[in-house]
Amino acid sequence: SEEEDRKVKANYAARRRQALDSPSGLGFVPNGTSVLDAAPDERT
């Protein structure tokens, strides 16, 4: 959407920094917790 496009482009530099600082080079913050530490409902 136009709204999503504007939002990404307004914060593109931060998204790129996040990708460079991630395990796989993707522009979101990975979950830092273990599967085993999550309650079943939360995990789902």
ModelCIF file with pLDDT and N, C-alpha, C, O atoms, coordinates in Angstrom:
data_MODEL
#
_entry.id   MODEL 
#
_entity.id                         1 
_entity.type                       polymer 
_entity.pdbx_number_of_molecules   1 
#
_entity_poly.entity_id                      1 
_entity_poly.type                           'polypeptide(L)' 
_entity_poly.nstd_linkage                   no 
_entity_poly.nstd_monomer                   no 
_entity_poly.pdbx_seq_one_letter_code       SEEEDRKVKANYAARRRQALDSPSGLGFVPNGTSVLDAAPDERT 
_entity_poly.pdbx_seq_one_letter_code_can   SEEEDRKVKANYAARRRQALDSPSGLGFVPNGTSVLDAAPDERT 
_entity_poly.pdbx_strand_id                 A 
#
loop_
_entity_poly_seq.entity_id 
_entity_poly_seq.num 
_entity_poly_seq.mon_id 
_entity_poly_seq.hetero 
1 1  SER n 
1 2  GLU n 
1 3  GLU n 
1 4  GLU n 
1 5  ASP n 
1 6  ARG n 
1 7  LYS n 
1 8  VAL n 
1 9  LYS n 
1 10 ALA n 
1 11 ASN n 
1 12 TYR n 
1 13 ALA n 
1 14 ALA n 
1 15 ARG n 
1 16 ARG n 
1 17 ARG n 
1 18 GLN n 
1 19 ALA n 
1 20 LEU n 
1 21 ASP n 
1 22 SER n 
1 23 PRO n 
1 24 SER n 
1 25 GLY n 
1 26 LEU n 
1 27 GLY n 
1 28 PHE n 
1 29 VAL n 
1 30 PRO n 
1 31 ASN n 
1 32 GLY n 
1 33 THR n 
1 34 SER n 
1 35 VAL n 
1 36 LEU n 
1 37 ASP n 
1 38 ALA n 
1 39 ALA n 
1 40 PRO n 
1 41 ASP n 
1 42 GLU n 
1 43 ARG n 
1 44 THR n 
#
_struct_asym.id          A 
_struct_asym.entity_id   1 
#
loop_
_ma_qa_metric.id 
_ma_qa_metric.mode 
_ma_qa_metric.name 
_ma_qa_metric.software_group_id 
_ma_qa_metric.type 
1 global pLDDT . pLDDT 
2 local  pLDDT . pLDDT 
#
_ma_qa_metric_global.metric_id      1 
_ma_qa_metric_global.metric_value   93.57 
_ma_qa_metric_global.model_id       1 
_ma_qa_metric_global.ordinal_id     1 
#
loop_
_ma_qa_metric_local.label_asym_id 
_ma_qa_metric_local.label_comp_id 
_ma_qa_metric_local.label_seq_id 
_ma_qa_metric_local.metric_id 
_ma_qa_metric_local.metric_value 
_ma_qa_metric_local.model_id 
_ma_qa_metric_local.ordinal_id 
A SER 1  2 97.00 1 1  
A GLU 2  2 97.00 1 2  
A GLU 3  2 97.00 1 3  
A GLU 4  2 96.00 1 4  
A ASP 5  2 98.00 1 5  
A ARG 6  2 98.00 1 6  
A LYS 7  2 97.00 1 7  
A VAL 8  2 97.00 1 8  
A LYS 9  2 98.00 1 9  
A ALA 10 2 98.00 1 10 
A ASN 11 2 97.00 1 11 
A TYR 12 2 97.00 1 12 
A ALA 13 2 96.00 1 13 
A ALA 14 2 95.00 1 14 
A ARG 15 2 95.00 1 15 
A ARG 16 2 96.00 1 16 
A ARG 17 2 94.00 1 17 
A GLN 18 2 93.00 1 18 
A ALA 19 2 94.00 1 19 
A LEU 20 2 94.00 1 20 
A ASP 21 2 92.00 1 21 
A SER 22 2 90.00 1 22 
A PRO 23 2 90.00 1 23 
A SER 24 2 92.00 1 24 
A GLY 25 2 93.00 1 25 
A LEU 26 2 88.00 1 26 
A GLY 27 2 82.00 1 27 
A PHE 28 2 80.00 1 28 
A VAL 29 2 80.00 1 29 
A PRO 30 2 82.00 1 30 
A ASN 31 2 87.00 1 31 
A GLY 32 2 90.00 1 32 
A THR 33 2 94.00 1 33 
A SER 34 2 96.00 1 34 
A VAL 35 2 97.00 1 35 
A LEU 36 2 97.00 1 36 
A ASP 37 2 95.00 1 37 
A ALA 38 2 95.00 1 38 
A ALA 39 2 95.00 1 39 
A PRO 40 2 95.00 1 40 
A ASP 41 2 95.00 1 41 
A GLU 42 2 96.00 1 42 
A ARG 43 2 96.00 1 43 
A THR 44 2 96.00 1 44 
#
loop_
_atom_site.group_PDB 
_atom_site.id 
_atom_site.type_symbol 
_atom_site.label_atom_id 
_atom_site.label_alt_id 
_atom_site.label_comp_id 
_atom_site.label_asym_id 
_atom_site.label_entity_id 
_atom_site.label_seq_id 
_atom_site.pdbx_PDB_ins_code 
_atom_site.Cartn_x 
_atom_site.Cartn_y 
_atom_site.Cartn_z 
_atom_site.occupancy 
_atom_site.B_iso_or_equiv 
_atom_site.pdbx_formal_charge 
_atom_site.auth_seq_id 
_atom_site.auth_comp_id 
_atom_site.auth_asym_id 
_atom_site.auth_atom_id 
_atom_site.pdbx_PDB_model_num 
ATOM 1   N N  . SER A 1 1  ? 0.842  -1.203  0.000  1.00 97.00 ? 1  SER A N  1 
ATOM 2   C CA . SER A 1 1  ? 0.000  0.000   0.000  1.00 97.00 ? 1  SER A CA 1 
ATOM 3   C C  . SER A 1 1  ? 0.874  1.249   0.000  1.00 97.00 ? 1  SER A C  1 
ATOM 4   O O  . SER A 1 1  ? 2.070  1.197   0.290  1.00 97.00 ? 1  SER A O  1 
ATOM 5   N N  . GLU A 1 2  ? 0.242  2.376   -0.334 1.00 97.00 ? 2  GLU A N  1 
ATOM 6   C CA . GLU A 1 2  ? 0.973  3.644   -0.293 1.00 97.00 ? 2  GLU A CA 1 
ATOM 7   C C  . GLU A 1 2  ? 1.436  3.958   1.128  1.00 97.00 ? 2  GLU A C  1 
ATOM 8   O O  . GLU A 1 2  ? 2.529  4.488   1.331  1.00 97.00 ? 2  GLU A O  1 
ATOM 9   N N  . GLU A 1 3  ? 0.606  3.632   2.094  1.00 97.00 ? 3  GLU A N  1 
ATOM 10  C CA . GLU A 1 3  ? 0.971  3.894   3.486  1.00 97.00 ? 3  GLU A CA 1 
ATOM 11  C C  . GLU A 1 3  ? 2.187  3.068   3.908  1.00 97.00 ? 3  GLU A C  1 
ATOM 12  O O  . GLU A 1 3  ? 3.096  3.584   4.558  1.00 97.00 ? 3  GLU A O  1 
ATOM 13  N N  . GLU A 1 4  ? 2.202  1.775   3.533  1.00 96.00 ? 4  GLU A N  1 
ATOM 14  C CA . GLU A 1 4  ? 3.335  0.919   3.881  1.00 96.00 ? 4  GLU A CA 1 
ATOM 15  C C  . GLU A 1 4  ? 4.608  1.388   3.187  1.00 96.00 ? 4  GLU A C  1 
ATOM 16  O O  . GLU A 1 4  ? 5.684  1.390   3.784  1.00 96.00 ? 4  GLU A O  1 
ATOM 17  N N  . ASP A 1 5  ? 4.478  1.787   1.921  1.00 98.00 ? 5  ASP A N  1 
ATOM 18  C CA . ASP A 1 5  ? 5.637  2.268   1.175  1.00 98.00 ? 5  ASP A CA 1 
ATOM 19  C C  . ASP A 1 5  ? 6.227  3.513   1.840  1.00 98.00 ? 5  ASP A C  1 
ATOM 20  O O  . ASP A 1 5  ? 7.442  3.618   2.006  1.00 98.00 ? 5  ASP A O  1 
ATOM 21  N N  . ARG A 1 6  ? 5.369  4.443   2.216  1.00 98.00 ? 6  ARG A N  1 
ATOM 22  C CA . ARG A 1 6  ? 5.857  5.668   2.882  1.00 98.00 ? 6  ARG A CA 1 
ATOM 23  C C  . ARG A 1 6  ? 6.524  5.340   4.215  1.00 98.00 ? 6  ARG A C  1 
ATOM 24  O O  . ARG A 1 6  ? 7.557  5.914   4.559  1.00 98.00 ? 6  ARG A O  1 
ATOM 25  N N  . LYS A 1 7  ? 5.935  4.432   4.946  1.00 97.00 ? 7  LYS A N  1 
ATOM 26  C CA . LYS A 1 7  ? 6.475  4.082   6.256  1.00 97.00 ? 7  LYS A CA 1 
ATOM 27  C C  . LYS A 1 7  ? 7.868  3.456   6.137  1.00 97.00 ? 7  LYS A C  1 
ATOM 28  O O  . LYS A 1 7  ? 8.785  3.817   6.875  1.00 97.00 ? 7  LYS A O  1 
ATOM 29  N N  . VAL A 1 8  ? 8.014  2.523   5.208  1.00 97.00 ? 8  VAL A N  1 
ATOM 30  C CA . VAL A 1 8  ? 9.322  1.884   5.026  1.00 97.00 ? 8  VAL A CA 1 
ATOM 31  C C  . VAL A 1 8  ? 10.360 2.906   4.587  1.00 97.00 ? 8  VAL A C  1 
ATOM 32  O O  . VAL A 1 8  ? 11.465 2.941   5.127  1.00 97.00 ? 8  VAL A O  1 
ATOM 33  N N  . LYS A 1 9  ? 10.011 3.733   3.614  1.00 98.00 ? 9  LYS A N  1 
ATOM 34  C CA . LYS A 1 9  ? 10.988 4.676   3.070  1.00 98.00 ? 9  LYS A CA 1 
ATOM 35  C C  . LYS A 1 9  ? 11.363 5.766   4.078  1.00 98.00 ? 9  LYS A C  1 
ATOM 36  O O  . LYS A 1 9  ? 12.467 6.307   4.021  1.00 98.00 ? 9  LYS A O  1 
ATOM 37  N N  . ALA A 1 10 ? 10.470 6.083   4.981  1.00 98.00 ? 10 ALA A N  1 
ATOM 38  C CA . ALA A 1 10 ? 10.786 7.080   6.012  1.00 98.00 ? 10 ALA A CA 1 
ATOM 39  C C  . ALA A 1 10 ? 11.796 6.544   7.023  1.00 98.00 ? 10 ALA A C  1 
ATOM 40  O O  . ALA A 1 10 ? 12.489 7.311   7.692  1.00 98.00 ? 10 ALA A O  1 
ATOM 41  N N  . ASN A 1 11 ? 11.868 5.223   7.124  1.00 97.00 ? 11 ASN A N  1 
ATOM 42  C CA . ASN A 1 11 ? 12.760 4.603   8.111  1.00 97.00 ? 11 ASN A CA 1 
ATOM 43  C C  . ASN A 1 11 ? 13.724 3.602   7.465  1.00 97.00 ? 11 ASN A C  1 
ATOM 44  O O  . ASN A 1 11 ? 14.178 2.656   8.109  1.00 97.00 ? 11 ASN A O  1 
ATOM 45  N N  . TYR A 1 12 ? 14.025 3.828   6.184  1.00 97.00 ? 12 TYR A N  1 
ATOM 46  C CA . TYR A 1 12 ? 14.811 2.843   5.443  1.00 97.00 ? 12 TYR A CA 1 
ATOM 47  C C  . TYR A 1 12 ? 16.206 2.658   6.037  1.00 97.00 ? 12 TYR A C  1 
ATOM 48  O O  . TYR A 1 12 ? 16.697 1.534   6.130  1.00 97.00 ? 12 TYR A O  1 
ATOM 49  N N  . ALA A 1 13 ? 16.843 3.757   6.439  1.00 96.00 ? 13 ALA A N  1 
ATOM 50  C CA . ALA A 1 13 ? 18.202 3.663   6.976  1.00 96.00 ? 13 ALA A CA 1 
ATOM 51  C C  . ALA A 1 13 ? 18.240 2.784   8.223  1.00 96.00 ? 13 ALA A C  1 
ATOM 52  O O  . ALA A 1 13 ? 19.154 1.976   8.390  1.00 96.00 ? 13 ALA A O  1 
ATOM 53  N N  . ALA A 1 14 ? 17.255 2.941   9.090  1.00 95.00 ? 14 ALA A N  1 
ATOM 54  C CA . ALA A 1 14 ? 17.187 2.128   10.303 1.00 95.00 ? 14 ALA A CA 1 
ATOM 55  C C  . ALA A 1 14 ? 16.924 0.662   9.951  1.00 95.00 ? 14 ALA A C  1 
ATOM 56  O O  . ALA A 1 14 ? 17.477 -0.246  10.571 1.00 95.00 ? 14 ALA A O  1 
ATOM 57  N N  . ARG A 1 15 ? 16.076 0.449   8.951  1.00 95.00 ? 15 ARG A N  1 
ATOM 58  C CA . ARG A 1 15 ? 15.793 -0.930  8.521  1.00 95.00 ? 15 ARG A CA 1 
ATOM 59  C C  . ARG A 1 15 ? 17.064 -1.591  7.995  1.00 95.00 ? 15 ARG A C  1 
ATOM 60  O O  . ARG A 1 15 ? 17.324 -2.757  8.293  1.00 95.00 ? 15 ARG A O  1 
ATOM 61  N N  . ARG A 1 16 ? 17.849 -0.867  7.225  1.00 96.00 ? 16 ARG A N  1 
ATOM 62  C CA . ARG A 1 16 ? 19.103 -1.412  6.702  1.00 96.00 ? 16 ARG A CA 1 
ATOM 63  C C  . ARG A 1 16 ? 20.087 -1.720  7.830  1.00 96.00 ? 16 ARG A C  1 
ATOM 64  O O  . ARG A 1 16 ? 20.758 -2.751  7.806  1.00 96.00 ? 16 ARG A O  1 
ATOM 65  N N  . ARG A 1 17 ? 20.171 -0.830  8.812  1.00 94.00 ? 17 ARG A N  1 
ATOM 66  C CA . ARG A 1 17 ? 21.070 -1.081  9.943  1.00 94.00 ? 17 ARG A CA 1 
ATOM 67  C C  . ARG A 1 17 ? 20.635 -2.333  10.695 1.00 94.00 ? 17 ARG A C  1 
ATOM 68  O O  . ARG A 1 17 ? 21.465 -3.134  11.124 1.00 94.00 ? 17 ARG A O  1 
ATOM 69  N N  . GLN A 1 18 ? 19.335 -2.489  10.848 1.00 93.00 ? 18 GLN A N  1 
ATOM 70  C CA . GLN A 1 18 ? 18.827 -3.676  11.518 1.00 93.00 ? 18 GLN A CA 1 
ATOM 71  C C  . GLN A 1 18 ? 19.188 -4.935  10.744 1.00 93.00 ? 18 GLN A C  1 
ATOM 72  O O  . GLN A 1 18 ? 19.575 -5.941  11.339 1.00 93.00 ? 18 GLN A O  1 
ATOM 73  N N  . ALA A 1 19 ? 19.064 -4.885  9.430  1.00 94.00 ? 19 ALA A N  1 
ATOM 74  C CA . ALA A 1 19 ? 19.392 -6.047  8.603  1.00 94.00 ? 19 ALA A CA 1 
ATOM 75  C C  . ALA A 1 19 ? 20.873 -6.406  8.726  1.00 94.00 ? 19 ALA A C  1 
ATOM 76  O O  . ALA A 1 19 ? 21.222 -7.581  8.836  1.00 94.00 ? 19 ALA A O  1 
ATOM 77  N N  . LEU A 1 20 ? 21.736 -5.404  8.707  1.00 94.00 ? 20 LEU A N  1 
ATOM 78  C CA . LEU A 1 20 ? 23.175 -5.645  8.825  1.00 94.00 ? 20 LEU A CA 1 
ATOM 79  C C  . LEU A 1 20 ? 23.550 -6.194  10.194 1.00 94.00 ? 20 LEU A C  1 
ATOM 80  O O  . LEU A 1 20 ? 24.591 -6.832  10.349 1.00 94.00 ? 20 LEU A O  1 
ATOM 81  N N  . ASP A 1 21 ? 22.706 -5.948  11.180 1.00 92.00 ? 21 ASP A N  1 
ATOM 82  C CA . ASP A 1 21 ? 22.999 -6.374  12.545 1.00 92.00 ? 21 ASP A CA 1 
ATOM 83  C C  . ASP A 1 21 ? 22.199 -7.607  12.939 1.00 92.00 ? 21 ASP A C  1 
ATOM 84  O O  . ASP A 1 21 ? 22.056 -7.916  14.122 1.00 92.00 ? 21 ASP A O  1 
ATOM 85  N N  . SER A 1 22 ? 21.678 -8.308  11.933 1.00 90.00 ? 22 SER A N  1 
ATOM 86  C CA . SER A 1 22 ? 20.827 -9.464  12.194 1.00 90.00 ? 22 SER A CA 1 
ATOM 87  C C  . SER A 1 22 ? 21.531 -10.753 11.780 1.00 90.00 ? 22 SER A C  1 
ATOM 88  O O  . SER A 1 22 ? 22.555 -10.695 11.100 1.00 90.00 ? 22 SER A O  1 
ATOM 89  N N  . PRO A 1 23 ? 21.007 -11.913 12.171 1.00 90.00 ? 23 PRO A N  1 
ATOM 90  C CA . PRO A 1 23 ? 21.622 -13.176 11.752 1.00 90.00 ? 23 PRO A CA 1 
ATOM 91  C C  . PRO A 1 23 ? 21.520 -13.448 10.252 1.00 90.00 ? 23 PRO A C  1 
ATOM 92  O O  . PRO A 1 23 ? 22.445 -13.999 9.655  1.00 90.00 ? 23 PRO A O  1 
ATOM 93  N N  . SER A 1 24 ? 20.400 -13.062 9.645  1.00 92.00 ? 24 SER A N  1 
ATOM 94  C CA . SER A 1 24 ? 20.143 -13.467 8.257  1.00 92.00 ? 24 SER A CA 1 
ATOM 95  C C  . SER A 1 24 ? 20.061 -12.314 7.268  1.00 92.00 ? 24 SER A C  1 
ATOM 96  O O  . SER A 1 24 ? 19.823 -12.540 6.082  1.00 92.00 ? 24 SER A O  1 
ATOM 97  N N  . GLY A 1 25 ? 20.251 -11.082 7.729  1.00 93.00 ? 25 GLY A N  1 
ATOM 98  C CA . GLY A 1 25 ? 20.212 -9.957  6.808  1.00 93.00 ? 25 GLY A CA 1 
ATOM 99  C C  . GLY A 1 25 ? 18.809 -9.512  6.455  1.00 93.00 ? 25 GLY A C  1 
ATOM 100 O O  . GLY A 1 25 ? 18.579 -8.977  5.371  1.00 93.00 ? 25 GLY A O  1 
ATOM 101 N N  . LEU A 1 26 ? 17.863 -9.729  7.365  1.00 88.00 ? 26 LEU A N  1 
ATOM 102 C CA . LEU A 1 26 ? 16.474 -9.332  7.132  1.00 88.00 ? 26 LEU A CA 1 
ATOM 103 C C  . LEU A 1 26 ? 16.150 -8.110  7.983  1.00 88.00 ? 26 LEU A C  1 
ATOM 104 O O  . LEU A 1 26 ? 16.727 -7.912  9.052  1.00 88.00 ? 26 LEU A O  1 
ATOM 105 N N  . GLY A 1 27 ? 15.218 -7.295  7.493  1.00 82.00 ? 27 GLY A N  1 
ATOM 106 C CA . GLY A 1 27 ? 14.967 -6.000  8.106  1.00 82.00 ? 27 GLY A CA 1 
ATOM 107 C C  . GLY A 1 27 ? 13.955 -6.003  9.223  1.00 82.00 ? 27 GLY A C  1 
ATOM 108 O O  . GLY A 1 27 ? 13.110 -5.110  9.286  1.00 82.00 ? 27 GLY A O  1 
ATOM 109 N N  . PHE A 1 28 ? 14.015 -6.986  10.113 1.00 80.00 ? 28 PHE A N  1 
ATOM 110 C CA . PHE A 1 28 ? 13.162 -6.972  11.296 1.00 80.00 ? 28 PHE A CA 1 
ATOM 111 C C  . PHE A 1 28 ? 13.975 -7.500  12.473 1.00 80.00 ? 28 PHE A C  1 
ATOM 112 O O  . PHE A 1 28 ? 15.019 -8.124  12.286 1.00 80.00 ? 28 PHE A O  1 
ATOM 113 N N  . VAL A 1 29 ? 13.496 -7.248  13.666 1.00 80.00 ? 29 VAL A N  1 
ATOM 114 C CA . VAL A 1 29 ? 14.206 -7.673  14.874 1.00 80.00 ? 29 VAL A CA 1 
ATOM 115 C C  . VAL A 1 29 ? 13.845 -9.129  15.175 1.00 80.00 ? 29 VAL A C  1 
ATOM 116 O O  . VAL A 1 29 ? 12.680 -9.419  15.446 1.00 80.00 ? 29 VAL A O  1 
ATOM 117 N N  . PRO A 1 30 ? 14.819 -10.058 15.134 1.00 82.00 ? 30 PRO A N  1 
ATOM 118 C CA . PRO A 1 30 ? 14.510 -11.452 15.433 1.00 82.00 ? 30 PRO A CA 1 
ATOM 119 C C  . PRO A 1 30 ? 14.130 -11.633 16.902 1.00 82.00 ? 30 PRO A C  1 
ATOM 120 O O  . PRO A 1 30 ? 14.524 -10.847 17.764 1.00 82.00 ? 30 PRO A O  1 
ATOM 121 N N  . ASN A 1 31 ? 13.374 -12.660 17.157 1.00 87.00 ? 31 ASN A N  1 
ATOM 122 C CA . ASN A 1 31 ? 12.975 -12.995 18.522 1.00 87.00 ? 31 ASN A CA 1 
ATOM 123 C C  . ASN A 1 31 ? 14.192 -13.544 19.275 1.00 87.00 ? 31 ASN A C  1 
ATOM 124 O O  . ASN A 1 31 ? 14.824 -14.500 18.824 1.00 87.00 ? 31 ASN A O  1 
ATOM 125 N N  . GLY A 1 32 ? 14.513 -12.947 20.400 1.00 90.00 ? 32 GLY A N  1 
ATOM 126 C CA . GLY A 1 32 ? 15.695 -13.351 21.151 1.00 90.00 ? 32 GLY A CA 1 
ATOM 127 C C  . GLY A 1 32 ? 15.446 -14.393 22.215 1.00 90.00 ? 32 GLY A C  1 
ATOM 128 O O  . GLY A 1 32 ? 16.332 -14.665 23.025 1.00 90.00 ? 32 GLY A O  1 
ATOM 129 N N  . THR A 1 33 ? 14.260 -14.989 22.238 1.00 94.00 ? 33 THR A N  1 
ATOM 130 C CA . THR A 1 33 ? 13.960 -15.988 23.253 1.00 94.00 ? 33 THR A CA 1 
ATOM 131 C C  . THR A 1 33 ? 13.955 -17.387 22.650 1.00 94.00 ? 33 THR A C  1 
ATOM 132 O O  . THR A 1 33 ? 13.929 -17.558 21.431 1.00 94.00 ? 33 THR A O  1 
ATOM 133 N N  . SER A 1 34 ? 13.980 -18.378 23.529 1.00 96.00 ? 34 SER A N  1 
ATOM 134 C CA . SER A 1 34 ? 13.961 -19.783 23.116 1.00 96.00 ? 34 SER A CA 1 
ATOM 135 C C  . SER A 1 34 ? 12.537 -20.287 22.957 1.00 96.00 ? 34 SER A C  1 
ATOM 136 O O  . SER A 1 34 ? 11.626 -19.861 23.667 1.00 96.00 ? 34 SER A O  1 
ATOM 137 N N  . VAL A 1 35 ? 12.365 -21.191 22.022 1.00 97.00 ? 35 VAL A N  1 
ATOM 138 C CA . VAL A 1 35 ? 11.074 -21.868 21.880 1.00 97.00 ? 35 VAL A CA 1 
ATOM 139 C C  . VAL A 1 35 ? 10.681 -22.517 23.204 1.00 97.00 ? 35 VAL A C  1 
ATOM 140 O O  . VAL A 1 35 ? 9.515  -22.480 23.596 1.00 97.00 ? 35 VAL A O  1 
ATOM 141 N N  . LEU A 1 36 ? 11.646 -23.104 23.884 1.00 97.00 ? 36 LEU A N  1 
ATOM 142 C CA . LEU A 1 36 ? 11.377 -23.887 25.079 1.00 97.00 ? 36 LEU A CA 1 
ATOM 143 C C  . LEU A 1 36 ? 10.986 -23.029 26.277 1.00 97.00 ? 36 LEU A C  1 
ATOM 144 O O  . LEU A 1 36 ? 10.389 -23.520 27.235 1.00 97.00 ? 36 LEU A O  1 
ATOM 145 N N  . ASP A 1 37 ? 11.327 -21.741 26.215 1.00 95.00 ? 37 ASP A N  1 
ATOM 146 C CA . ASP A 1 37 ? 10.998 -20.847 27.326 1.00 95.00 ? 37 ASP A CA 1 
ATOM 147 C C  . ASP A 1 37 ? 9.592  -20.242 27.212 1.00 95.00 ? 37 ASP A C  1 
ATOM 148 O O  . ASP A 1 37 ? 9.102  -19.626 28.159 1.00 95.00 ? 37 ASP A O  1 
ATOM 149 N N  . ALA A 1 38 ? 8.955  -20.415 26.071 1.00 95.00 ? 38 ALA A N  1 
ATOM 150 C CA . ALA A 1 38 ? 7.651  -19.797 25.837 1.00 95.00 ? 38 ALA A CA 1 
ATOM 151 C C  . ALA A 1 38 ? 6.519  -20.722 26.296 1.00 95.00 ? 38 ALA A C  1 
ATOM 152 O O  . ALA A 1 38 ? 6.579  -21.936 26.102 1.00 95.00 ? 38 ALA A O  1 
ATOM 153 N N  . ALA A 1 39 ? 5.508  -20.142 26.896 1.00 95.00 ? 39 ALA A N  1 
ATOM 154 C CA . ALA A 1 39 ? 4.308  -20.911 27.247 1.00 95.00 ? 39 ALA A CA 1 
ATOM 155 C C  . ALA A 1 39 ? 3.610  -21.342 25.957 1.00 95.00 ? 39 ALA A C  1 
ATOM 156 O O  . ALA A 1 39 ? 3.695  -20.635 24.953 1.00 95.00 ? 39 ALA A O  1 
ATOM 157 N N  . PRO A 1 40 ? 2.927  -22.478 25.962 1.00 95.00 ? 40 PRO A N  1 
ATOM 158 C CA . PRO A 1 40 ? 2.302  -22.991 24.737 1.00 95.00 ? 40 PRO A CA 1 
ATOM 159 C C  . PRO A 1 40 ? 1.420  -21.976 24.007 1.00 95.00 ? 40 PRO A C  1 
ATOM 160 O O  . PRO A 1 40 ? 1.517  -21.846 22.787 1.00 95.00 ? 40 PRO A O  1 
ATOM 161 N N  . ASP A 1 41 ? 0.572  -21.263 24.725 1.00 95.00 ? 41 ASP A N  1 
ATOM 162 C CA . ASP A 1 41 ? -0.302 -20.284 24.071 1.00 95.00 ? 41 ASP A CA 1 
ATOM 163 C C  . ASP A 1 41 ? 0.497  -19.154 23.440 1.00 95.00 ? 41 ASP A C  1 
ATOM 164 O O  . ASP A 1 41 ? 0.214  -18.729 22.320 1.00 95.00 ? 41 ASP A O  1 
ATOM 165 N N  . GLU A 1 42 ? 1.498  -18.671 24.171 1.00 96.00 ? 42 GLU A N  1 
ATOM 166 C CA . GLU A 1 42 ? 2.345  -17.597 23.644 1.00 96.00 ? 42 GLU A CA 1 
ATOM 167 C C  . GLU A 1 42 ? 3.116  -18.070 22.415 1.00 96.00 ? 42 GLU A C  1 
ATOM 168 O O  . GLU A 1 42 ? 3.258  -17.342 21.433 1.00 96.00 ? 42 GLU A O  1 
ATOM 169 N N  . ARG A 1 43 ? 3.610  -19.302 22.493 1.00 96.00 ? 43 ARG A N  1 
ATOM 170 C CA . ARG A 1 43 ? 4.371  -19.869 21.379 1.00 96.00 ? 43 ARG A CA 1 
ATOM 171 C C  . ARG A 1 43 ? 3.513  -19.964 20.128 1.00 96.00 ? 43 ARG A C  1 
ATOM 172 O O  . ARG A 1 43 ? 3.956  -19.613 19.034 1.00 96.00 ? 43 ARG A O  1 
ATOM 173 N N  . THR A 1 44 ? 2.295  -20.436 20.289 1.00 96.00 ? 44 THR A N  1 
ATOM 174 C CA . THR A 1 44 ? 1.392  -20.538 19.139 1.00 96.00 ? 44 THR A CA 1 
ATOM 175 C C  . THR A 1 44 ? 1.125  -19.172 18.530 1.00 96.00 ? 44 THR A C  1 
ATOM 176 O O  . THR A 1 44 ? 0.386  -19.066 17.552 1.00 96.00 ? 44 THR A O  1 
#
